[in-house]
Protein backbone atom coordinates (compact mmCIF):
# COMPACT_ATOMS: atom_id res chain seq x y z
CA MET A 1 78.34 149.36 114.33
CA LEU A 2 75.17 149.12 116.21
CA GLY A 3 75.01 152.66 117.17
CA SER A 4 75.51 154.02 113.62
CA GLY A 5 72.73 155.85 111.89
CA LEU A 6 71.41 157.32 115.31
CA ARG A 7 72.76 160.81 114.65
CA PHE A 8 70.03 163.24 113.39
CA GLY A 9 70.34 167.09 112.84
CA PHE A 10 67.92 168.43 115.28
CA GLY A 11 66.95 172.18 115.91
CA ARG A 12 67.35 173.95 119.26
CA MET A 13 63.78 173.28 120.15
CA VAL A 14 64.05 169.54 119.79
CA ARG A 15 67.49 169.18 121.51
CA GLN A 16 65.81 170.72 124.44
CA LEU A 17 63.43 167.81 124.78
CA LEU A 18 66.24 165.28 124.82
CA PRO A 19 68.18 164.12 127.96
CA PRO A 20 71.82 165.09 128.23
CA ALA A 21 74.72 162.92 126.86
CA PRO A 22 75.33 159.92 126.71
CA PHE A 23 71.58 159.19 126.32
CA ARG A 24 70.74 161.84 123.58
CA GLU A 25 71.24 159.31 120.73
CA LEU A 26 68.98 156.73 122.60
CA ALA A 27 66.36 159.18 123.15
CA ILE A 28 66.36 160.01 119.37
CA ARG A 29 65.96 156.29 118.80
CA ALA A 30 63.23 155.88 121.16
CA CYS A 31 61.76 159.21 119.82
CA LEU A 32 60.41 160.22 123.44
CA LEU A 33 58.88 156.96 123.85
CA ILE A 34 55.23 157.86 123.01
CA PHE A 35 53.54 154.50 123.39
CA LEU A 36 51.67 154.39 120.08
CA CYS A 37 52.83 153.44 116.67
CA VAL A 38 52.17 155.77 113.57
CA GLY A 39 51.10 155.45 109.97
CA PHE A 40 53.41 157.20 107.42
CA PRO A 41 53.01 159.59 104.60
CA ALA A 42 52.75 157.38 101.47
CA ARG A 43 55.72 159.44 99.69
CA ALA A 44 58.13 159.12 102.45
CA GLN A 45 60.78 156.47 102.32
CA TYR A 46 61.79 154.67 105.55
CA ARG A 47 64.47 152.05 106.66
CA SER A 48 63.79 149.17 109.14
CA ASP A 49 66.51 147.97 111.43
CA VAL A 50 66.17 144.80 113.65
CA TRP A 51 68.27 143.81 116.60
CA THR A 52 68.49 140.10 117.59
CA ALA A 53 70.54 137.82 119.89
CA ASP A 54 73.44 138.24 117.23
CA ASN A 55 73.57 141.82 118.33
CA GLY A 56 73.69 141.13 122.06
CA LEU A 57 69.88 140.46 123.21
CA PRO A 58 69.62 137.25 125.22
CA GLN A 59 66.52 136.15 123.21
CA ASN A 60 64.70 137.41 120.15
CA ILE A 61 61.19 137.69 121.57
CA VAL A 62 60.60 141.08 122.90
CA ARG A 63 57.52 141.55 125.48
CA GLY A 64 57.94 145.15 126.50
CA ILE A 65 59.98 148.34 126.11
CA TYR A 66 60.19 151.23 128.54
CA GLN A 67 62.51 154.38 128.42
CA ALA A 68 63.59 155.39 132.00
CA PRO A 69 63.87 159.20 132.81
CA ASP A 70 67.73 158.68 132.80
CA GLY A 71 67.35 157.87 129.12
CA PHE A 72 68.14 154.20 129.19
CA LEU A 73 65.75 151.87 127.25
CA TRP A 74 64.57 148.67 129.08
CA ILE A 75 63.52 145.55 127.07
CA ALA A 76 61.68 142.78 128.59
CA THR A 77 62.43 139.23 126.83
CA PHE A 78 61.81 135.78 127.54
CA ASP A 79 65.30 135.32 128.80
CA GLY A 80 65.85 138.22 131.01
CA LEU A 81 65.57 141.98 131.36
CA VAL A 82 67.78 144.11 129.22
CA ARG A 83 69.08 147.74 129.41
CA PHE A 84 70.08 149.51 126.19
CA ASP A 85 72.17 152.59 126.04
CA GLY A 86 71.82 152.75 122.13
CA ILE A 87 75.07 150.68 121.49
CA HIS A 88 75.56 148.26 124.27
CA PHE A 89 72.97 145.65 125.78
CA THR A 90 73.41 145.00 129.50
CA VAL A 91 71.43 141.70 130.53
CA PHE A 92 69.79 141.12 134.01
CA ASN A 93 68.75 137.58 134.85
CA LYS A 94 68.52 135.12 137.81
CA SER A 95 72.20 134.32 137.38
CA ASN A 96 73.42 137.92 137.96
CA ALA A 97 70.46 139.69 139.58
CA PRO A 98 69.62 138.77 142.92
CA GLY A 99 65.80 139.18 143.61
CA MET A 100 64.72 137.89 140.14
CA ASP A 101 62.90 134.64 140.33
CA SER A 102 62.30 134.12 136.48
CA ASN A 103 63.83 135.23 133.32
CA ARG A 104 60.70 134.68 131.44
CA ILE A 105 59.12 138.22 131.23
CA VAL A 106 55.36 138.31 130.15
CA SER A 107 54.93 141.95 130.45
CA MET A 108 56.56 145.04 131.84
CA TYR A 109 55.33 148.26 133.12
CA GLY A 110 57.46 151.41 133.88
CA GLU A 111 56.63 154.06 136.48
CA PRO A 112 57.00 157.79 135.66
CA HIS A 113 60.04 157.84 138.03
CA GLY A 114 61.81 154.89 136.76
CA ASP A 115 60.69 151.80 138.72
CA LEU A 116 60.01 148.74 136.65
CA TRP A 117 57.39 146.03 137.40
CA LEU A 118 57.81 142.75 135.84
CA ASN A 119 54.96 140.21 135.35
CA THR A 120 56.73 136.78 134.87
CA GLU A 121 55.63 133.61 133.24
CA GLY A 122 53.35 131.64 135.76
CA GLY A 123 52.04 134.72 137.39
CA GLY A 124 54.97 136.12 139.27
CA LEU A 125 55.60 139.78 140.16
CA THR A 126 59.03 141.56 140.42
CA ARG A 127 59.92 145.15 140.87
CA TYR A 128 63.21 146.91 140.04
CA HIS A 129 63.51 149.82 142.43
CA ASP A 130 66.82 151.78 143.26
CA GLY A 131 69.00 149.22 141.43
CA VAL A 132 67.61 146.35 143.27
CA PHE A 133 65.25 143.55 142.14
CA GLN A 134 62.52 142.21 144.59
CA THR A 135 60.06 139.37 143.84
CA PHE A 136 56.85 139.73 145.76
CA GLY A 137 54.83 137.09 147.50
CA ALA A 138 52.49 136.47 150.37
CA ALA A 139 54.14 138.92 152.75
CA GLN A 140 53.31 141.75 150.35
CA GLY A 141 49.62 140.46 149.96
CA VAL A 142 50.59 138.98 146.35
CA PRO A 143 48.99 135.58 146.20
CA GLU A 144 51.52 133.18 144.80
CA LYS A 145 51.59 132.94 140.95
CA THR A 146 48.27 134.97 140.35
CA VAL A 147 49.38 138.07 138.79
CA ARG A 148 48.13 138.73 135.17
CA GLY A 149 48.70 142.36 134.52
CA ILE A 150 50.03 145.61 135.71
CA THR A 151 49.01 149.23 135.13
CA GLY A 152 49.54 152.59 136.64
CA ASP A 153 48.90 156.47 136.35
CA ASP A 154 51.10 159.69 135.83
CA THR A 155 51.49 160.22 139.58
CA GLY A 156 53.05 156.78 140.21
CA ARG A 157 50.25 154.81 141.48
CA VAL A 158 50.53 151.32 140.36
CA TRP A 159 47.64 148.45 140.29
CA ILE A 160 48.02 144.87 139.97
CA LEU A 161 45.50 142.45 138.32
CA THR A 162 45.61 138.99 139.93
CA SER A 163 43.51 136.04 139.39
CA ASP A 164 40.45 137.25 141.20
CA THR A 165 40.83 140.96 142.10
CA ILE A 166 42.52 144.25 141.22
CA ALA A 167 44.96 145.66 143.97
CA GLU A 168 46.73 148.95 144.51
CA TRP A 169 50.39 148.94 145.72
CA ASP A 170 50.72 150.76 148.99
CA ARG A 171 54.12 152.35 149.00
CA ALA A 172 53.99 153.16 152.86
CA ARG A 173 52.99 149.47 153.85
CA GLU A 174 54.81 147.88 150.95
CA ARG A 175 51.83 145.71 150.23
CA LEU A 176 48.95 145.28 147.97
CA ALA A 177 45.32 146.52 148.85
CA ASP A 178 42.09 145.23 147.08
CA VAL A 179 40.33 147.98 145.21
CA ALA A 180 37.85 145.96 143.18
CA PRO A 181 34.11 146.17 144.00
CA SER A 182 33.39 143.37 146.30
CA ALA A 183 29.98 142.42 144.40
CA PRO A 184 30.04 141.19 141.94
CA ARG A 185 33.43 139.62 141.37
CA LEU A 186 34.46 140.04 137.83
CA LYS A 187 37.08 138.33 135.97
CA TYR A 188 39.18 141.20 134.43
CA GLU A 189 41.66 141.11 131.56
CA SER A 190 44.30 143.47 130.54
CA LEU A 191 43.35 146.18 128.06
CA ARG A 192 45.44 146.08 124.97
CA TRP A 193 47.78 148.93 124.22
CA ALA A 194 50.43 150.31 126.72
CA ASN A 195 49.30 148.64 129.98
CA GLN A 196 46.45 151.08 130.15
CA GLY A 197 44.24 149.14 132.64
CA PHE A 198 41.76 146.23 132.89
CA TRP A 199 38.40 145.18 131.57
CA GLY A 200 35.56 142.89 132.59
CA TRP A 201 32.04 142.42 131.95
CA ASP A 202 28.81 141.29 133.29
CA GLU A 203 25.00 141.68 132.43
CA ARG A 204 25.07 145.51 133.16
CA GLY A 205 27.83 146.08 130.63
CA ILE A 206 31.71 146.45 130.11
CA HIS A 207 33.53 147.64 132.80
CA CYS A 208 37.12 149.21 132.37
CA PHE A 209 39.35 150.07 135.21
CA ILE A 210 41.84 152.99 134.00
CA LYS A 211 44.15 155.08 136.25
CA GLY A 212 42.20 154.25 139.32
CA ARG A 213 38.79 154.84 138.26
CA PHE A 214 36.10 152.42 136.55
CA PHE A 215 34.61 153.43 133.32
CA HIS A 216 31.29 151.64 132.07
CA TYR A 217 30.24 150.84 128.47
CA PRO A 218 27.49 149.03 126.85
CA ILE A 219 28.08 145.55 125.50
CA PRO A 220 27.30 145.85 121.64
CA GLN A 221 23.98 144.60 120.35
CA ARG A 222 23.71 140.97 118.77
CA ILE A 223 26.78 139.87 120.75
CA SER A 224 27.04 138.38 124.21
CA GLY A 225 29.82 139.38 126.77
CA ALA A 226 31.20 135.87 126.60
CA SER A 227 31.95 136.45 122.86
CA ILE A 228 34.32 139.18 123.68
CA LEU A 229 37.91 138.30 122.83
CA THR A 230 39.87 141.46 123.65
CA ILE A 231 39.26 145.14 124.45
CA ALA A 232 41.47 148.24 123.76
CA HIS A 233 41.25 151.88 125.08
CA GLU A 234 42.20 155.00 123.35
CA ARG A 235 43.27 158.18 125.12
CA ASN A 236 40.16 160.06 124.35
CA GLY A 237 37.96 157.34 126.04
CA THR A 238 36.90 155.40 123.14
CA ILE A 239 37.30 151.42 123.41
CA TRP A 240 37.61 149.04 120.74
CA VAL A 241 36.03 145.52 121.08
CA GLU A 242 36.89 142.36 119.18
CA THR A 243 34.82 139.19 119.44
CA THR A 244 35.97 135.57 119.02
CA ALA A 245 34.22 135.75 115.53
CA ARG A 246 36.61 138.72 114.60
CA LYS A 247 33.93 141.29 114.68
CA TYR A 248 34.92 144.78 115.73
CA PHE A 249 33.13 147.60 117.43
CA ARG A 250 34.01 151.09 118.30
CA ILE A 251 32.29 152.41 121.43
CA ASP A 252 32.68 156.22 122.18
CA PRO A 253 32.00 157.54 125.73
CA GLY A 254 28.23 157.98 126.51
CA LYS A 255 27.25 156.45 122.88
CA PRO A 256 26.16 153.16 121.59
CA ALA A 257 28.55 150.55 119.77
CA VAL A 258 29.21 150.95 116.31
CA SER A 259 30.20 148.01 114.09
CA VAL A 260 33.32 148.37 111.97
CA SER A 261 34.44 146.19 109.04
CA GLU A 262 37.77 147.67 108.56
CA PRO A 263 38.93 149.02 112.05
CA ALA A 264 41.62 151.72 112.15
CA ILE A 265 42.34 154.62 114.47
CA THR A 266 43.79 158.17 114.18
CA TYR A 267 46.65 159.20 116.45
CA VAL A 268 47.85 162.98 116.91
CA ASP A 269 51.43 163.07 117.84
CA GLY A 270 52.97 165.88 119.93
CA GLY A 271 53.62 168.08 116.80
CA GLY A 272 49.85 167.93 115.99
CA ARG A 273 49.94 165.70 113.04
CA SER A 274 47.56 162.85 112.41
CA TRP A 275 48.57 159.28 111.71
CA ALA A 276 46.59 156.33 110.61
CA LEU A 277 47.01 152.89 112.18
CA GLN A 278 45.25 149.63 111.00
CA LEU A 279 43.84 147.14 113.58
CA GLY A 280 43.94 143.47 113.27
CA HIS A 281 43.50 140.07 115.08
CA GLU A 282 43.61 140.77 118.86
CA LEU A 283 43.63 144.49 118.12
CA TYR A 284 47.38 144.48 117.20
CA ARG A 285 48.12 147.75 115.49
CA SER A 286 50.13 147.90 112.10
CA VAL A 287 51.38 150.46 109.75
CA ASN A 288 52.36 150.48 105.98
CA TYR A 289 55.48 152.19 104.96
CA LEU A 290 57.65 152.53 101.91
CA ASN A 291 60.95 150.71 102.07
CA SER A 292 63.31 151.01 99.14
CA GLY A 293 60.20 151.66 97.01
CA GLN A 294 58.29 148.62 98.31
CA VAL A 295 55.21 148.85 100.65
CA SER A 296 56.29 147.09 103.83
CA ARG A 297 54.19 146.47 106.93
CA SER A 298 55.24 146.58 110.60
CA SER A 299 53.57 145.10 113.30
CA SER A 300 53.23 147.25 116.10
CA PRO A 301 52.63 145.89 119.80
CA PRO A 302 51.74 148.18 122.70
CA TRP A 303 55.13 149.48 123.44
CA ALA A 304 55.82 151.17 119.97
CA LYS A 305 56.68 154.65 119.95
CA THR A 306 57.32 157.81 117.53
CA GLY A 307 58.74 161.13 117.45
CA SER A 308 59.74 163.89 114.87
CA GLY A 309 62.20 166.81 114.72
CA THR A 310 63.42 169.51 112.35
CA SER A 311 66.69 170.66 111.23
CA GLY A 312 66.76 173.96 109.61
CA SER A 313 64.04 174.04 107.03
CA ALA A 314 64.17 170.38 106.15
CA GLN A 315 61.93 168.06 108.09
CA ARG A 316 62.61 164.55 109.18
CA ASP A 317 60.56 161.94 110.70
CA LYS A 318 61.87 159.27 112.70
CA VAL A 319 60.12 156.26 114.19
CA SER A 320 60.86 153.38 116.36
CA THR A 321 58.22 150.75 116.41
CA GLY A 322 59.75 148.97 119.05
CA CYS A 323 58.98 145.53 117.61
CA LYS A 324 58.81 143.80 114.38
CA ASP A 325 57.42 140.26 114.34
CA SER A 326 58.21 140.35 118.10
CA ARG A 327 61.71 141.45 117.74
CA LEU A 328 63.35 144.74 118.78
CA ALA A 329 63.35 147.16 115.71
CA SER A 330 63.32 150.64 114.66
CA ILE A 331 61.73 152.42 111.56
CA ARG A 332 63.27 155.52 110.61
CA SER A 333 63.16 158.00 107.72
CA SER A 334 65.82 157.41 105.02
CA ARG A 335 65.24 161.09 103.51
CA GLY A 336 68.02 163.65 103.74
């Protein structure tokens, strides 16, 4: 059964963190939806479960995952938006959801209070608000088919990256307002990892737009801005740069760039434990784990998540990476 294996014995403290039934099992599976993947202790054994179209997904390619405040897990695919309660998949697409103009979702951003923003193939923009889908266009200040990214902050502000600018969604006026500097006009790209913001470069350096503010970093020596392939941002302000020649650099705030031959990051979870993640091409994160005595590797796109809990004196680790080879998947402890 699809929902089997979701029941874990948590202590009172962990139960208080979870939403009420019927979403408690889903929250355990989603593990509080912290948008990072983890590296596992080498001695721990883990099991990987994968859901596909055979289980009810409309399509196997997953482009984003978000857990709403009500506990539902939302999954963006190339054939519609899916709501998952831990057992059943409910699909929303052009045929059954008025207001959606495309089933092919490129990326998804979820606001803290539950609204969903969908960037669809071809540069479209759709919002899911109070149970209603609406696709935006010129009337809302959205140039037709130009949207390339979405980001936001913890207060519910939302910014949209179009082909030539960054614009903030004005809730009162129900339209976009340009916030990017008028000169020079930079070509921005989306930062890797969890829709954290946008980046661009000019002769002055690298410019990152994160939660409504611009941050500036030096371009690493011996490379040009044109050679930068992609950039990712850590919560501590460090950015990672990959070039088209697959060279990697770490730039800490206020410090020069450092070349790194084997890039990896350390993530500290809510319980204070540190996890190691490896970085690969296009700054995709991955993690090695033991599965039936064999070392397996899971790719971990930006929507991966992790959590942990205790039951009595026996600790159990649970991880849901969100995606394995672009498919919906979870990795959880097989101990106990």
